């Protein structure tokens, strides 16, 4: 999945609720959104409509499902952030952490292992 979804905070909150509970009946989603966020029915359906328009979720026969996994969504968001903030350069992103001393030795070792696994063909990337 190469689609990158740009979601507002409210859209992402509702998406999380659907990932946690989906597939879910639309009225059950309304009930959960009221309980979790204090949203009215109209708010839930408005945000859901936007998620559907963006292609993130579907509502078929009053059953709401997500069209991507949470992991696919996070991967897309991460790539989007990398593109927007670091011109798509993973080394620039990592250098930003290293330059501020935010990268621990353990994290550096984890990165080395990821790169080694990738070099051996063990990664999907």
PDB file of N, CA and C in Angstrom:
ATOM      1  N   UNK A   1       0.837  -1.183   0.000  1.00  0.00           N
ATOM      2  CA  UNK A   1       0.000   0.000   0.000  1.00  0.00           C
ATOM      3  C   UNK A   1       0.878   1.242   0.000  1.00  0.00           C
ATOM      4  N   UNK A   2       0.750   2.054  -1.024  1.00  0.00           N
ATOM      5  CA  UNK A   2       1.559   3.250  -1.132  1.00  0.00           C
ATOM      6  C   UNK A   2       0.767   4.510  -0.848  1.00  0.00           C
ATOM      7  N   UNK A   3      -0.496   4.377  -0.526  1.00  0.00           N
ATOM      8  CA  UNK A   3      -1.336   5.536  -0.267  1.00  0.00           C
ATOM      9  C   UNK A   3      -0.952   6.167   1.060  1.00  0.00           C
ATOM     10  N   UNK A   4      -0.832   7.498   1.037  1.00  0.00           N
ATOM     11  CA  UNK A   4      -0.563   8.235   2.264  1.00  0.00           C
ATOM     12  C   UNK A   4      -1.814   9.041   2.581  1.00  0.00           C
ATOM     13  N   UNK A   5      -2.393   8.766   3.725  1.00  0.00           N
ATOM     14  CA  UNK A   5      -3.587   9.468   4.151  1.00  0.00           C
ATOM     15  C   UNK A   5      -3.197  10.608   5.079  1.00  0.00           C
ATOM     16  N   UNK A   6      -3.726  11.777   4.826  1.00  0.00           N
ATOM     17  CA  UNK A   6      -3.520  12.905   5.722  1.00  0.00           C
ATOM     18  C   UNK A   6      -4.799  13.070   6.541  1.00  0.00           C
ATOM     19  N   UNK A   7      -4.689  12.776   7.818  1.00  0.00           N
ATOM     20  CA  UNK A   7      -5.855  12.821   8.698  1.00  0.00           C
ATOM     21  C   UNK A   7      -5.695  13.897   9.757  1.00  0.00           C
ATOM     22  N   UNK A   8      -6.825  14.500  10.089  1.00  0.00           N
ATOM     23  CA  UNK A   8      -6.838  15.425  11.215  1.00  0.00           C
ATOM     24  C   UNK A   8      -6.806  14.615  12.504  1.00  0.00           C
ATOM     25  N   UNK A   9      -6.642  15.294  13.608  1.00  0.00           N
ATOM     26  CA  UNK A   9      -6.636  14.626  14.905  1.00  0.00           C
ATOM     27  C   UNK A   9      -7.948  13.861  15.122  1.00  0.00           C
ATOM     28  N   UNK A  10      -9.062  14.491  14.831  1.00  0.00           N
ATOM     29  CA  UNK A  10     -10.368  13.851  15.036  1.00  0.00           C
ATOM     30  C   UNK A  10     -10.516  12.626  14.140  1.00  0.00           C
ATOM     31  N   UNK A  11     -10.076  12.744  12.898  1.00  0.00           N
ATOM     32  CA  UNK A  11     -10.167  11.614  11.970  1.00  0.00           C
ATOM     33  C   UNK A  11      -9.301  10.456  12.443  1.00  0.00           C
ATOM     34  N   UNK A  12      -8.123  10.776  12.914  1.00  0.00           N
ATOM     35  CA  UNK A  12      -7.229   9.731  13.395  1.00  0.00           C
ATOM     36  C   UNK A  12      -7.786   9.061  14.653  1.00  0.00           C
ATOM     37  N   UNK A  13      -8.398   9.834  15.533  1.00  0.00           N
ATOM     38  CA  UNK A  13      -9.002   9.258  16.746  1.00  0.00           C
ATOM     39  C   UNK A  13     -10.105   8.270  16.385  1.00  0.00           C
ATOM     40  N   UNK A  14     -10.955   8.649  15.423  1.00  0.00           N
ATOM     41  CA  UNK A  14     -12.034   7.746  15.022  1.00  0.00           C
ATOM     42  C   UNK A  14     -11.458   6.516  14.325  1.00  0.00           C
ATOM     43  N   UNK A  15     -10.441   6.711  13.503  1.00  0.00           N
ATOM     44  CA  UNK A  15      -9.799   5.578  12.841  1.00  0.00           C
ATOM     45  C   UNK A  15      -9.253   4.595  13.875  1.00  0.00           C
ATOM     46  N   UNK A  16      -8.610   5.112  14.909  1.00  0.00           N
ATOM     47  CA  UNK A  16      -8.083   4.251  15.981  1.00  0.00           C
ATOM     48  C   UNK A  16      -9.205   3.438  16.620  1.00  0.00           C
ATOM     49  N   UNK A  17     -10.336   4.081  16.852  1.00  0.00           N
ATOM     50  CA  UNK A  17     -11.480   3.396  17.449  1.00  0.00           C
ATOM     51  C   UNK A  17     -11.965   2.268  16.536  1.00  0.00           C
ATOM     52  N   UNK A  18     -11.973   2.520  15.243  1.00  0.00           N
ATOM     53  CA  UNK A  18     -12.409   1.497  14.287  1.00  0.00           C
ATOM     54  C   UNK A  18     -11.386   0.365  14.236  1.00  0.00           C
ATOM     55  N   UNK A  19     -10.093   0.699  14.207  1.00  0.00           N
ATOM     56  CA  UNK A  19      -9.075  -0.358  14.211  1.00  0.00           C
ATOM     57  C   UNK A  19      -9.200  -1.242  15.439  1.00  0.00           C
ATOM     58  N   UNK A  20      -9.452  -0.628  16.581  1.00  0.00           N
ATOM     59  CA  UNK A  20      -9.548  -1.383  17.831  1.00  0.00           C
ATOM     60  C   UNK A  20     -10.789  -2.250  17.902  1.00  0.00           C
ATOM     61  N   UNK A  21     -11.875  -1.822  17.253  1.00  0.00           N
ATOM     62  CA  UNK A  21     -13.164  -2.501  17.435  1.00  0.00           C
ATOM     63  C   UNK A  21     -13.778  -3.039  16.154  1.00  0.00           C
ATOM     64  N   UNK A  22     -13.178  -2.774  15.027  1.00  0.00           N
ATOM     65  CA  UNK A  22     -13.788  -3.118  13.746  1.00  0.00           C
ATOM     66  C   UNK A  22     -13.560  -4.547  13.326  1.00  0.00           C
ATOM     67  N   UNK A  23     -14.351  -5.010  12.367  1.00  0.00           N
ATOM     68  CA  UNK A  23     -15.488  -4.284  11.813  1.00  0.00           C
ATOM     69  C   UNK A  23     -16.543  -4.046  12.889  1.00  0.00           C
ATOM     70  N   UNK A  24     -17.217  -2.919  12.754  1.00  0.00           N
ATOM     71  CA  UNK A  24     -18.151  -2.508  13.804  1.00  0.00           C
ATOM     72  C   UNK A  24     -19.407  -1.908  13.183  1.00  0.00           C
ATOM     73  N   UNK A  25     -20.541  -2.219  13.784  1.00  0.00           N
ATOM     74  CA  UNK A  25     -21.804  -1.625  13.329  1.00  0.00           C
ATOM     75  C   UNK A  25     -21.735  -0.117  13.537  1.00  0.00           C
ATOM     76  N   UNK A  26     -22.242   0.635  12.588  1.00  0.00           N
ATOM     77  CA  UNK A  26     -22.120   2.093  12.651  1.00  0.00           C
ATOM     78  C   UNK A  26     -22.745   2.675  13.915  1.00  0.00           C
ATOM     79  N   UNK A  27     -23.858   2.120  14.375  1.00  0.00           N
ATOM     80  CA  UNK A  27     -24.473   2.651  15.593  1.00  0.00           C
ATOM     81  C   UNK A  27     -23.662   2.291  16.843  1.00  0.00           C
ATOM     82  N   UNK A  28     -22.969   1.167  16.803  1.00  0.00           N
ATOM     83  CA  UNK A  28     -22.066   0.818  17.910  1.00  0.00           C
ATOM     84  C   UNK A  28     -20.880   1.786  17.916  1.00  0.00           C
ATOM     85  N   UNK A  29     -20.422   2.161  16.738  1.00  0.00           N
ATOM     86  CA  UNK A  29     -19.352   3.142  16.631  1.00  0.00           C
ATOM     87  C   UNK A  29     -19.803   4.480  17.212  1.00  0.00           C
ATOM     88  N   UNK A  30     -21.022   4.870  16.944  1.00  0.00           N
ATOM     89  CA  UNK A  30     -21.579   6.106  17.505  1.00  0.00           C
ATOM     90  C   UNK A  30     -21.567   6.029  19.033  1.00  0.00           C
ATOM     91  N   UNK A  31     -21.989   4.882  19.563  1.00  0.00           N
ATOM     92  CA  UNK A  31     -22.024   4.692  21.011  1.00  0.00           C
ATOM     93  C   UNK A  31     -20.621   4.786  21.609  1.00  0.00           C
ATOM     94  N   UNK A  32     -19.655   4.140  20.963  1.00  0.00           N
ATOM     95  CA  UNK A  32     -18.280   4.175  21.457  1.00  0.00           C
ATOM     96  C   UNK A  32     -17.679   5.576  21.375  1.00  0.00           C
ATOM     97  N   UNK A  33     -17.961   6.296  20.293  1.00  0.00           N
ATOM     98  CA  UNK A  33     -17.429   7.650  20.143  1.00  0.00           C
ATOM     99  C   UNK A  33     -18.019   8.584  21.201  1.00  0.00           C
ATOM    100  N   UNK A  34     -19.278   8.368  21.546  1.00  0.00           N
ATOM    101  CA  UNK A  34     -19.891   9.151  22.624  1.00  0.00           C
ATOM    102  C   UNK A  34     -19.181   8.859  23.941  1.00  0.00           C
ATOM    103  N   UNK A  35     -18.971   7.575  24.207  1.00  0.00           N
ATOM    104  CA  UNK A  35     -18.322   7.164  25.457  1.00  0.00           C
ATOM    105  C   UNK A  35     -16.864   7.635  25.523  1.00  0.00           C
ATOM    106  N   UNK A  36     -16.113   7.448  24.436  1.00  0.00           N
ATOM    107  CA  UNK A  36     -14.682   7.751  24.428  1.00  0.00           C
ATOM    108  C   UNK A  36     -14.359   9.235  24.265  1.00  0.00           C
ATOM    109  N   UNK A  37     -15.133   9.917  23.392  1.00  0.00           N
ATOM    110  CA  UNK A  37     -14.792  11.291  23.033  1.00  0.00           C
ATOM    111  C   UNK A  37     -15.858  12.315  23.400  1.00  0.00           C
ATOM    112  N   UNK A  38     -17.047  11.836  23.802  1.00  0.00           N
ATOM    113  CA  UNK A  38     -18.143  12.752  24.079  1.00  0.00           C
ATOM    114  C   UNK A  38     -18.778  13.310  22.805  1.00  0.00           C
ATOM    115  N   UNK A  39     -18.596  12.603  21.692  1.00  0.00           N
ATOM    116  CA  UNK A  39     -19.116  13.066  20.414  1.00  0.00           C
ATOM    117  C   UNK A  39     -20.587  12.739  20.261  1.00  0.00           C
ATOM    118  N   UNK A  40     -21.314  13.652  19.627  1.00  0.00           N
ATOM    119  CA  UNK A  40     -22.700  13.399  19.255  1.00  0.00           C
ATOM    120  C   UNK A  40     -22.715  12.506  18.015  1.00  0.00           C
ATOM    121  N   UNK A  41     -23.875  11.935  17.763  1.00  0.00           N
ATOM    122  CA  UNK A  41     -24.050  11.076  16.595  1.00  0.00           C
ATOM    123  C   UNK A  41     -23.655  11.817  15.318  1.00  0.00           C
ATOM    124  N   UNK A  42     -24.090  13.060  15.195  1.00  0.00           N
ATOM    125  CA  UNK A  42     -23.792  13.830  13.979  1.00  0.00           C
ATOM    126  C   UNK A  42     -22.296  14.047  13.791  1.00  0.00           C
ATOM    127  N   UNK A  43     -21.569  14.257  14.887  1.00  0.00           N
ATOM    128  CA  UNK A  43     -20.117  14.437  14.798  1.00  0.00           C
ATOM    129  C   UNK A  43     -19.452  13.157  14.315  1.00  0.00           C
ATOM    130  N   UNK A  44     -19.840  12.041  14.905  1.00  0.00           N
ATOM    131  CA  UNK A  44     -19.260  10.752  14.514  1.00  0.00           C
ATOM    132  C   UNK A  44     -19.500  10.486  13.042  1.00  0.00           C
ATOM    133  N   UNK A  45     -20.734  10.688  12.588  1.00  0.00           N
ATOM    134  CA  UNK A  45     -21.033  10.417  11.180  1.00  0.00           C
ATOM    135  C   UNK A  45     -20.344  11.412  10.249  1.00  0.00           C
ATOM    136  N   UNK A  46     -20.159  12.650  10.689  1.00  0.00           N
ATOM    137  CA  UNK A  46     -19.435  13.634   9.867  1.00  0.00           C
ATOM    138  C   UNK A  46     -17.980  13.230   9.690  1.00  0.00           C
ATOM    139  N   UNK A  47     -17.345  12.829  10.785  1.00  0.00           N
ATOM    140  CA  UNK A  47     -15.942  12.415  10.718  1.00  0.00           C
ATOM    141  C   UNK A  47     -15.824  11.112   9.921  1.00  0.00           C
ATOM    142  N   UNK A  48     -16.749  10.195  10.137  1.00  0.00           N
ATOM    143  CA  UNK A  48     -16.745   8.935   9.392  1.00  0.00           C
ATOM    144  C   UNK A  48     -16.893   9.202   7.898  1.00  0.00           C
ATOM    145  N   UNK A  49     -17.766  10.117   7.535  1.00  0.00           N
ATOM    146  CA  UNK A  49     -17.963  10.461   6.126  1.00  0.00           C
ATOM    147  C   UNK A  49     -16.648  10.925   5.502  1.00  0.00           C
ATOM    148  N   UNK A  50     -15.884  11.715   6.235  1.00  0.00           N
ATOM    149  CA  UNK A  50     -14.594  12.195   5.730  1.00  0.00           C
ATOM    150  C   UNK A  50     -13.621  11.028   5.564  1.00  0.00           C
ATOM    151  N   UNK A  51     -13.587  10.120   6.545  1.00  0.00           N
ATOM    152  CA  UNK A  51     -12.719   8.946   6.428  1.00  0.00           C
ATOM    153  C   UNK A  51     -13.079   8.121   5.187  1.00  0.00           C
ATOM    154  N   UNK A  52     -14.354   8.003   4.921  1.00  0.00           N
ATOM    155  CA  UNK A  52     -14.818   7.260   3.742  1.00  0.00           C
ATOM    156  C   UNK A  52     -14.417   8.005   2.465  1.00  0.00           C
ATOM    157  N   UNK A  53     -14.618   9.319   2.445  1.00  0.00           N
ATOM    158  CA  UNK A  53     -14.242  10.117   1.271  1.00  0.00           C
ATOM    159  C   UNK A  53     -12.743  10.052   0.998  1.00  0.00           C
ATOM    160  N   UNK A  54     -11.953   9.965   2.052  1.00  0.00           N
ATOM    161  CA  UNK A  54     -10.501   9.873   1.898  1.00  0.00           C
ATOM    162  C   UNK A  54     -10.057   8.456   1.544  1.00  0.00           C
ATOM    163  N   UNK A  55     -10.985   7.507   1.582  1.00  0.00           N
ATOM    164  CA  UNK A  55     -10.671   6.132   1.232  1.00  0.00           C
ATOM    165  C   UNK A  55     -10.079   5.314   2.355  1.00  0.00           C
ATOM    166  N   UNK A  56     -10.087   5.860   3.561  1.00  0.00           N
ATOM    167  CA  UNK A  56      -9.492   5.182   4.708  1.00  0.00           C
ATOM    168  C   UNK A  56     -10.408   4.091   5.254  1.00  0.00           C
ATOM    169  N   UNK A  57     -11.708   4.342   5.212  1.00  0.00           N
ATOM    170  CA  UNK A  57     -12.661   3.371   5.751  1.00  0.00           C
ATOM    171  C   UNK A  57     -13.828   3.198   4.794  1.00  0.00           C
ATOM    172  N   UNK A  58     -14.646   2.205   5.109  1.00  0.00           N
ATOM    173  CA  UNK A  58     -15.840   1.903   4.326  1.00  0.00           C
ATOM    174  C   UNK A  58     -16.998   1.663   5.282  1.00  0.00           C
ATOM    175  N   UNK A  59     -18.197   1.922   4.783  1.00  0.00           N
ATOM    176  CA  UNK A  59     -19.407   1.651   5.551  1.00  0.00           C
ATOM    177  C   UNK A  59     -20.367   0.930   4.614  1.00  0.00           C
ATOM    178  N   UNK A  60     -20.369  -0.395   4.704  1.00  0.00           N
ATOM    179  CA  UNK A  60     -21.217  -1.228   3.859  1.00  0.00           C
ATOM    180  C   UNK A  60     -22.267  -1.901   4.725  1.00  0.00           C
ATOM    181  N   UNK A  61     -23.521  -1.690   4.374  1.00  0.00           N
ATOM    182  CA  UNK A  61     -24.633  -2.282   5.127  1.00  0.00           C
ATOM    183  C   UNK A  61     -24.537  -1.941   6.605  1.00  0.00           C
ATOM    184  N   UNK A  62     -24.155  -0.703   6.907  1.00  0.00           N
ATOM    185  CA  UNK A  62     -24.036  -0.185   8.269  1.00  0.00           C
ATOM    186  C   UNK A  62     -22.959  -0.877   9.097  1.00  0.00           C
ATOM    187  N   UNK A  63     -21.970  -1.453   8.423  1.00  0.00           N
ATOM    188  CA  UNK A  63     -20.810  -2.047   9.096  1.00  0.00           C
ATOM    189  C   UNK A  63     -19.577  -1.280   8.623  1.00  0.00           C
ATOM    190  N   UNK A  64     -18.870  -0.709   9.589  1.00  0.00           N
ATOM    191  CA  UNK A  64     -17.713   0.137   9.299  1.00  0.00           C
ATOM    192  C   UNK A  64     -16.441  -0.690   9.415  1.00  0.00           C
ATOM    193  N   UNK A  65     -15.599  -0.579   8.399  1.00  0.00           N
ATOM    194  CA  UNK A  65     -14.304  -1.259   8.388  1.00  0.00           C
ATOM    195  C   UNK A  65     -13.241  -0.277   7.916  1.00  0.00           C
ATOM    196  N   UNK A  66     -12.008  -0.581   8.241  1.00  0.00           N
ATOM    197  CA  UNK A  66     -10.878   0.210   7.758  1.00  0.00           C
ATOM    198  C   UNK A  66     -10.368  -0.432   6.475  1.00  0.00           C
ATOM    199  N   UNK A  67      -9.884   0.389   5.554  1.00  0.00           N
ATOM    200  CA  UNK A  67      -9.376  -0.098   4.277  1.00  0.00           C
ATOM    201  C   UNK A  67      -7.868  -0.325   4.283  1.00  0.00           C
ATOM    202  N   UNK A  68      -7.248  -0.062   5.425  1.00  0.00           N
ATOM    203  CA  UNK A  68      -5.827  -0.341   5.591  1.00  0.00           C
ATOM    204  C   UNK A  68      -5.619  -0.760   7.039  1.00  0.00           C
ATOM    205  N   UNK A  69      -4.522  -1.443   7.265  1.00  0.00           N
ATOM    206  CA  UNK A  69      -4.201  -1.800   8.643  1.00  0.00           C
ATOM    207  C   UNK A  69      -3.594  -0.587   9.341  1.00  0.00           C
ATOM    208  N   UNK A  70      -3.559  -0.650  10.632  1.00  0.00           N
ATOM    209  CA  UNK A  70      -2.931   0.433  11.392  1.00  0.00           C
ATOM    210  C   UNK A  70      -1.460   0.555  11.011  1.00  0.00           C
ATOM    211  N   UNK A  71      -0.795  -0.582  10.831  1.00  0.00           N
ATOM    212  CA  UNK A  71       0.615  -0.575  10.462  1.00  0.00           C
ATOM    213  C   UNK A  71       0.828   0.072   9.086  1.00  0.00           C
ATOM    214  N   UNK A  72      -0.039  -0.216   8.127  1.00  0.00           N
ATOM    215  CA  UNK A  72       0.061   0.412   6.810  1.00  0.00           C
ATOM    216  C   UNK A  72      -0.112   1.926   6.926  1.00  0.00           C
ATOM    217  N   UNK A  73      -1.049   2.337   7.762  1.00  0.00           N
ATOM    218  CA  UNK A  73      -1.285   3.761   7.964  1.00  0.00           C
ATOM    219  C   UNK A  73      -0.047   4.438   8.560  1.00  0.00           C
ATOM    220  N   UNK A  74       0.510   3.831   9.603  1.00  0.00           N
ATOM    221  CA  UNK A  74       1.682   4.400  10.271  1.00  0.00           C
ATOM    222  C   UNK A  74       2.871   4.457   9.305  1.00  0.00           C
ATOM    223  N   UNK A  75       3.038   3.422   8.500  1.00  0.00           N
ATOM    224  CA  UNK A  75       4.112   3.420   7.512  1.00  0.00           C
ATOM    225  C   UNK A  75       3.950   4.585   6.543  1.00  0.00           C
ATOM    226  N   UNK A  76       2.740   4.800   6.066  1.00  0.00           N
ATOM    227  CA  UNK A  76       2.474   5.916   5.161  1.00  0.00           C
ATOM    228  C   UNK A  76       2.723   7.258   5.823  1.00  0.00           C
ATOM    229  N   UNK A  77       2.274   7.391   7.071  1.00  0.00           N
ATOM    230  CA  UNK A  77       2.489   8.642   7.803  1.00  0.00           C
ATOM    231  C   UNK A  77       3.986   8.889   8.019  1.00  0.00           C
ATOM    232  N   UNK A  78       4.710   7.836   8.331  1.00  0.00           N
ATOM    233  CA  UNK A  78       6.150   7.957   8.564  1.00  0.00           C
ATOM    234  C   UNK A  78       6.861   8.396   7.295  1.00  0.00           C
ATOM    235  N   UNK A  79       6.491   7.782   6.189  1.00  0.00           N
ATOM    236  CA  UNK A  79       7.105   8.161   4.906  1.00  0.00           C
ATOM    237  C   UNK A  79       6.755   9.602   4.552  1.00  0.00           C
ATOM    238  N   UNK A  80       5.526   9.981   4.822  1.00  0.00           N
ATOM    239  CA  UNK A  80       5.089  11.353   4.553  1.00  0.00           C
ATOM    240  C   UNK A  80       5.902  12.346   5.389  1.00  0.00           C
ATOM    241  N   UNK A  81       6.074  12.043   6.669  1.00  0.00           N
ATOM    242  CA  UNK A  81       6.850  12.904   7.559  1.00  0.00           C
ATOM    243  C   UNK A  81       8.294  13.007   7.079  1.00  0.00           C
ATOM    244  N   UNK A  82       8.879  11.882   6.724  1.00  0.00           N
ATOM    245  CA  UNK A  82      10.246  11.847   6.237  1.00  0.00           C
ATOM    246  C   UNK A  82      10.383  12.710   4.978  1.00  0.00           C
ATOM    247  N   UNK A  83       9.416  12.599   4.088  1.00  0.00           N
ATOM    248  CA  UNK A  83       9.426  13.382   2.851  1.00  0.00           C
ATOM    249  C   UNK A  83       9.288  14.875   3.144  1.00  0.00           C
ATOM    250  N   UNK A  84       8.327  15.220   3.990  1.00  0.00           N
ATOM    251  CA  UNK A  84       8.062  16.629   4.300  1.00  0.00           C
ATOM    252  C   UNK A  84       9.187  17.302   5.078  1.00  0.00           C
ATOM    253  N   UNK A  85       9.737  16.615   6.046  1.00  0.00           N
ATOM    254  CA  UNK A  85      10.685  17.240   6.964  1.00  0.00           C
ATOM    255  C   UNK A  85      12.156  17.029   6.594  1.00  0.00           C
ATOM    256  N   UNK A  86      12.460  15.942   5.870  1.00  0.00           N
ATOM    257  CA  UNK A  86      13.853  15.597   5.608  1.00  0.00           C
ATOM    258  C   UNK A  86      14.111  15.292   4.128  1.00  0.00           C
ATOM    259  N   UNK A  87      13.264  15.847   3.256  1.00  0.00           N
ATOM    260  CA  UNK A  87      13.419  15.639   1.810  1.00  0.00           C
ATOM    261  C   UNK A  87      13.499  14.158   1.449  1.00  0.00           C
ATOM    262  N   UNK A  88      12.815  13.321   2.219  1.00  0.00           N
ATOM    263  CA  UNK A  88      12.791  11.891   1.949  1.00  0.00           C
ATOM    264  C   UNK A  88      14.049  11.152   2.334  1.00  0.00           C
ATOM    265  N   UNK A  89      14.953  11.814   3.037  1.00  0.00           N
ATOM    266  CA  UNK A  89      16.245  11.218   3.375  1.00  0.00           C
ATOM    267  C   UNK A  89      16.228  10.603   4.767  1.00  0.00           C
ATOM    268  N   UNK A  90      16.278   9.287   4.830  1.00  0.00           N
ATOM    269  CA  UNK A  90      16.371   8.602   6.112  1.00  0.00           C
ATOM    270  C   UNK A  90      17.677   8.944   6.832  1.00  0.00           C
ATOM    271  N   UNK A  91      18.810   9.011   6.119  1.00  0.00           N
ATOM    272  CA  UNK A  91      20.041   9.423   6.810  1.00  0.00           C
ATOM    273  C   UNK A  91      19.942  10.814   7.447  1.00  0.00           C
ATOM    274  N   UNK A  92      19.285  11.775   6.792  1.00  0.00           N
ATOM    275  CA  UNK A  92      19.108  13.102   7.392  1.00  0.00           C
ATOM    276  C   UNK A  92      18.261  13.007   8.656  1.00  0.00           C
ATOM    277  N   UNK A  93      17.233  12.162   8.609  1.00  0.00           N
ATOM    278  CA  UNK A  93      16.362  11.964   9.766  1.00  0.00           C
ATOM    279  C   UNK A  93      17.171  11.410  10.939  1.00  0.00           C
ATOM    280  N   UNK A  94      17.951  10.381  10.677  1.00  0.00           N
ATOM    281  CA  UNK A  94      18.756   9.756  11.736  1.00  0.00           C
ATOM    282  C   UNK A  94      19.819  10.727  12.239  1.00  0.00           C
ATOM    283  N   UNK A  95      20.422  11.483  11.313  1.00  0.00           N
ATOM    284  CA  UNK A  95      21.443  12.463  11.706  1.00  0.00           C
ATOM    285  C   UNK A  95      20.863  13.512  12.637  1.00  0.00           C
ATOM    286  N   UNK A  96      19.598  13.867  12.448  1.00  0.00           N
ATOM    287  CA  UNK A  96      18.953  14.839  13.331  1.00  0.00           C
ATOM    288  C   UNK A  96      18.932  14.323  14.764  1.00  0.00           C
ATOM    289  N   UNK A  97      18.672  13.047  14.938  1.00  0.00           N
ATOM    290  CA  UNK A  97      18.679  12.463  16.276  1.00  0.00           C
ATOM    291  C   UNK A  97      20.093  12.327  16.813  1.00  0.00           C
ATOM    292  N   UNK A  98      21.014  11.913  15.964  1.00  0.00           N
ATOM    293  CA  UNK A  98      22.398  11.729  16.398  1.00  0.00           C
ATOM    294  C   UNK A  98      23.023  13.066  16.779  1.00  0.00           C
ATOM    295  N   UNK A  99      22.700  14.102  16.036  1.00  0.00           N
ATOM    296  CA  UNK A  99      23.266  15.422  16.293  1.00  0.00           C
ATOM    297  C   UNK A  99      22.831  15.993  17.623  1.00  0.00           C
ATOM    298  N   UNK A 100      21.652  15.633  18.069  1.00  0.00           N
ATOM    299  CA  UNK A 100      21.144  16.112  19.352  1.00  0.00           C
ATOM    300  C   UNK A 100      21.428  15.137  20.484  1.00  0.00           C
ATOM    301  N   UNK A 101      22.162  14.083  20.177  1.00  0.00           N
ATOM    302  CA  UNK A 101      22.462  13.095  21.197  1.00  0.00           C
ATOM    303  C   UNK A 101      21.246  12.286  21.617  1.00  0.00           C
ATOM    304  N   UNK A 102      20.237  12.262  20.768  1.00  0.00           N
ATOM    305  CA  UNK A 102      19.004  11.560  21.111  1.00  0.00           C
ATOM    306  C   UNK A 102      19.035  10.083  20.725  1.00  0.00           C
ATOM    307  N   UNK A 103      20.031   9.669  19.974  1.00  0.00           N
ATOM    308  CA  UNK A 103      20.131   8.284  19.549  1.00  0.00           C
ATOM    309  C   UNK A 103      21.028   7.539  20.534  1.00  0.00           C
ATOM    310  N   UNK A 104      20.435   6.593  21.250  1.00  0.00           N
ATOM    311  CA  UNK A 104      21.211   5.833  22.228  1.00  0.00           C
ATOM    312  C   UNK A 104      22.034   4.759  21.522  1.00  0.00           C
ATOM    313  N   UNK A 105      22.995   4.218  22.219  1.00  0.00           N
ATOM    314  CA  UNK A 105      23.806   3.130  21.658  1.00  0.00           C
ATOM    315  C   UNK A 105      22.923   1.939  21.292  1.00  0.00           C
ATOM    316  N   UNK A 106      21.933   1.646  22.143  1.00  0.00           N
ATOM    317  CA  UNK A 106      21.023   0.536  21.869  1.00  0.00           C
ATOM    318  C   UNK A 106      20.236   0.795  20.580  1.00  0.00           C
ATOM    319  N   UNK A 107      19.763   2.023  20.397  1.00  0.00           N
ATOM    320  CA  UNK A 107      19.042   2.361  19.175  1.00  0.00           C
ATOM    321  C   UNK A 107      19.954   2.254  17.953  1.00  0.00           C
ATOM    322  N   UNK A 108      21.203   2.675  18.111  1.00  0.00           N
ATOM    323  CA  UNK A 108      22.165   2.563  17.012  1.00  0.00           C
ATOM    324  C   UNK A 108      22.377   1.094  16.642  1.00  0.00           C
ATOM    325  N   UNK A 109      22.472   0.237  17.644  1.00  0.00           N
ATOM    326  CA  UNK A 109      22.624  -1.196  17.390  1.00  0.00           C
ATOM    327  C   UNK A 109      21.386  -1.758  16.679  1.00  0.00           C
ATOM    328  N   UNK A 110      20.209  -1.312  17.081  1.00  0.00           N
ATOM    329  CA  UNK A 110      18.986  -1.762  16.422  1.00  0.00           C
ATOM    330  C   UNK A 110      18.971  -1.328  14.960  1.00  0.00           C
ATOM    331  N   UNK A 111      19.446  -0.114  14.694  1.00  0.00           N
ATOM    332  CA  UNK A 111      19.530   0.363  13.311  1.00  0.00           C
ATOM    333  C   UNK A 111      20.527  -0.470  12.507  1.00  0.00           C
ATOM    334  N   UNK A 112      21.670  -0.766  13.113  1.00  0.00           N
ATOM    335  CA  UNK A 112      22.660  -1.616  12.431  1.00  0.00           C
ATOM    336  C   UNK A 112      22.058  -2.972  12.088  1.00  0.00           C
ATOM    337  N   UNK A 113      21.313  -3.537  13.027  1.00  0.00           N
ATOM    338  CA  UNK A 113      20.690  -4.843  12.795  1.00  0.00           C
ATOM    339  C   UNK A 113      19.662  -4.747  11.656  1.00  0.00           C
ATOM    340  N   UNK A 114      18.854  -3.681  11.644  1.00  0.00           N
ATOM    341  CA  UNK A 114      17.888  -3.501  10.560  1.00  0.00           C
ATOM    342  C   UNK A 114      18.584  -3.415   9.208  1.00  0.00           C
ATOM    343  N   UNK A 115      19.680  -2.668   9.155  1.00  0.00           N
ATOM    344  CA  UNK A 115      20.421  -2.518   7.904  1.00  0.00           C
ATOM    345  C   UNK A 115      21.041  -3.848   7.498  1.00  0.00           C
ATOM    346  N   UNK A 116      21.625  -4.557   8.458  1.00  0.00           N
ATOM    347  CA  UNK A 116      22.207  -5.867   8.156  1.00  0.00           C
ATOM    348  C   UNK A 116      21.148  -6.832   7.647  1.00  0.00           C
ATOM    349  N   UNK A 117      19.992  -6.852   8.294  1.00  0.00           N
ATOM    350  CA  UNK A 117      18.891  -7.721   7.849  1.00  0.00           C
ATOM    351  C   UNK A 117      18.457  -7.359   6.435  1.00  0.00           C
ATOM    352  N   UNK A 118      18.381  -6.063   6.158  1.00  0.00           N
ATOM    353  CA  UNK A 118      17.997  -5.592   4.835  1.00  0.00           C
ATOM    354  C   UNK A 118      19.026  -6.056   3.796  1.00  0.00           C
ATOM    355  N   UNK A 119      20.302  -5.902   4.125  1.00  0.00           N
ATOM    356  CA  UNK A 119      21.376  -6.305   3.211  1.00  0.00           C
ATOM    357  C   UNK A 119      21.335  -7.803   2.921  1.00  0.00           C
ATOM    358  N   UNK A 120      20.899  -8.584   3.908  1.00  0.00           N
ATOM    359  CA  UNK A 120      20.810 -10.041   3.719  1.00  0.00           C
ATOM    360  C   UNK A 120      19.499 -10.442   3.059  1.00  0.00           C
ATOM    361  N   UNK A 121      18.686  -9.468   2.706  1.00  0.00           N
ATOM    362  CA  UNK A 121      17.415  -9.779   2.043  1.00  0.00           C
ATOM    363  C   UNK A 121      16.292 -10.125   2.997  1.00  0.00           C
ATOM    364  N   UNK A 122      16.499  -9.839   4.284  1.00  0.00           N
ATOM    365  CA  UNK A 122      15.499 -10.192   5.282  1.00  0.00           C
ATOM    366  C   UNK A 122      14.411  -9.150   5.477  1.00  0.00           C
ATOM    367  N   UNK A 123      14.525  -8.002   4.823  1.00  0.00           N
ATOM    368  CA  UNK A 123      13.512  -6.962   4.947  1.00  0.00           C
ATOM    369  C   UNK A 123      12.703  -6.891   3.671  1.00  0.00           C
ATOM    370  N   UNK A 124      11.458  -6.413   3.799  1.00  0.00           N
ATOM    371  CA  UNK A 124      10.574  -6.296   2.648  1.00  0.00           C
ATOM    372  C   UNK A 124      10.844  -5.036   1.845  1.00  0.00           C
ATOM    373  N   UNK A 125      11.636  -4.101   2.410  1.00  0.00           N
ATOM    374  CA  UNK A 125      11.860  -2.811   1.788  1.00  0.00           C
ATOM    375  C   UNK A 125      12.717  -2.884   0.610  1.00  0.00           C
TER     376      UNK A 125
END
